[in-house]
Amino acid sequence: MSKEPSVAQKMIGDVAPKLAELTDTVLFGDVWERKELSKRDRSLVTVAALVAMNRPEQLRFHLDKALENGLKKEELIEVITHLAFYSGWPNAMTAIMTAKEQFVKRDAAK
């Protein structure tokens, strides 16, 4: 019985199979599974880092993951608002537009 390909395998497995494998085994198979932080906390930290570094492509995925890991939309919006003063207004504006798109897309899929 074959296992369904991971998101990383579907996105980049044909071009960068080793990067996809590392994403699956090291990042999500090891780092995200460590018990020292909850998945909710890891999502909060990851979203904050992606907002601060202005990485909207990765932020899309991690906003959805954050919601799956128990964060609320209101909390994510508050993180982005808070970071406007620490990581820059343009980063926050990009992040909030990305979040708005993801929230609409997620709500439409329900």
Protein backbone atom coordinates (compact mmCIF):
# COMPACT_ATOMS: atom_id res chain seq x y z
CA MET A 1 0.00 0.00 0.00
CA SER A 2 1.55 3.30 -1.05
CA LYS A 3 1.52 6.33 1.21
CA GLU A 4 0.07 9.61 -0.07
CA PRO A 5 2.90 12.02 -1.03
CA SER A 6 3.53 14.80 1.48
CA VAL A 7 2.92 18.47 0.70
CA ALA A 8 6.68 18.90 0.23
CA GLN A 9 6.84 15.92 -2.11
CA LYS A 10 3.98 17.31 -4.20
CA MET A 11 5.43 20.83 -4.32
CA ILE A 12 9.13 20.19 -4.91
CA GLY A 13 9.78 16.46 -4.92
CA ASP A 14 10.25 16.32 -8.68
CA VAL A 15 12.80 19.17 -8.66
CA ALA A 16 14.49 18.82 -5.26
CA PRO A 17 13.78 15.37 -3.84
CA LYS A 18 16.40 15.68 -1.07
CA LEU A 19 15.00 19.01 0.12
CA ALA A 20 11.51 17.48 0.17
CA GLU A 21 12.84 14.49 2.12
CA LEU A 22 14.60 16.75 4.66
CA THR A 23 11.43 18.82 5.02
CA ASP A 24 9.45 15.67 5.80
CA THR A 25 11.94 13.82 8.00
CA VAL A 26 13.98 16.51 9.76
CA LEU A 27 11.75 19.60 9.90
CA PHE A 28 8.31 18.04 10.34
CA GLY A 29 9.39 14.57 11.45
CA ASP A 30 11.85 15.70 14.12
CA VAL A 31 11.88 19.43 14.92
CA TRP A 32 8.10 19.88 14.95
CA GLU A 33 7.69 16.72 17.07
CA ARG A 34 10.02 17.79 19.89
CA LYS A 35 8.16 17.95 23.21
CA GLU A 36 9.87 21.08 24.59
CA LEU A 37 7.35 23.31 22.80
CA SER A 38 3.77 22.53 21.91
CA LYS A 39 2.81 22.57 18.23
CA ARG A 40 0.67 25.62 19.00
CA ASP A 41 3.72 27.45 20.39
CA ARG A 42 5.86 26.32 17.46
CA SER A 43 3.23 27.71 15.08
CA LEU A 44 3.13 31.02 16.92
CA VAL A 45 6.92 31.35 16.77
CA THR A 46 7.05 30.29 13.13
CA VAL A 47 4.35 32.72 12.04
CA ALA A 48 6.11 35.53 13.92
CA ALA A 49 9.43 34.73 12.26
CA LEU A 50 7.87 34.57 8.79
CA VAL A 51 6.10 37.90 9.32
CA ALA A 52 9.32 39.51 10.57
CA MET A 53 11.31 38.18 7.61
CA ASN A 54 8.54 39.06 5.10
CA ARG A 55 8.10 35.53 3.74
CA PRO A 56 4.48 35.45 2.46
CA GLU A 57 4.85 32.23 0.45
CA GLN A 58 5.81 30.23 3.55
CA LEU A 59 3.41 32.25 5.72
CA ARG A 60 0.40 30.97 3.76
CA PHE A 61 1.13 27.37 4.71
CA HIS A 62 2.01 28.20 8.31
CA LEU A 63 -1.12 30.29 8.90
CA ASP A 64 -3.20 27.23 8.02
CA LYS A 65 -0.97 25.03 10.19
CA ALA A 66 -1.31 27.50 13.07
CA LEU A 67 -5.10 27.31 12.87
CA GLU A 68 -4.88 23.50 12.81
CA ASN A 69 -2.60 23.67 15.85
CA GLY A 70 -5.13 25.63 17.90
CA LEU A 71 -4.38 29.29 17.29
CA LYS A 72 -7.36 31.50 16.53
CA LYS A 73 -7.61 33.97 13.65
CA GLU A 74 -7.83 36.80 16.18
CA GLU A 75 -4.56 35.71 17.79
CA LEU A 76 -2.79 35.54 14.45
CA ILE A 77 -4.07 39.01 13.51
CA GLU A 78 -2.85 40.31 16.87
CA VAL A 79 0.61 38.82 16.30
CA ILE A 80 0.82 40.54 12.93
CA THR A 81 -0.38 43.85 14.41
CA HIS A 82 2.13 43.60 17.26
CA LEU A 83 4.97 42.84 14.84
CA ALA A 84 4.22 45.95 12.78
CA PHE A 85 6.14 47.88 15.45
CA TYR A 86 9.03 45.42 15.69
CA SER A 87 9.54 44.09 12.17
CA GLY A 88 8.24 46.98 10.11
CA TRP A 89 4.97 48.27 8.76
CA PRO A 90 5.46 46.92 5.22
CA ASN A 91 6.11 43.40 6.58
CA ALA A 92 2.94 43.57 8.66
CA MET A 93 0.87 44.89 5.75
CA THR A 94 2.11 42.08 3.51
CA ALA A 95 1.41 39.55 6.26
CA ILE A 96 -2.10 40.83 7.00
CA MET A 97 -3.04 40.74 3.31
CA THR A 98 -1.65 37.21 3.10
CA ALA A 99 -3.62 36.24 6.21
CA LYS A 100 -6.80 37.80 4.83
CA GLU A 101 -6.44 35.78 1.61
CA GLN A 102 -5.79 32.55 3.53
CA PHE A 103 -8.72 33.08 5.89
CA VAL A 104 -11.11 33.75 2.98
CA LYS A 105 -9.78 30.70 1.11
CA ARG A 106 -10.07 28.51 4.21
CA ASP A 107 -13.62 29.72 4.97
CA ALA A 108 -14.67 29.08 1.34
CA ALA A 109 -13.35 25.52 1.54
CA LYS A 110 -15.61 24.71 4.53
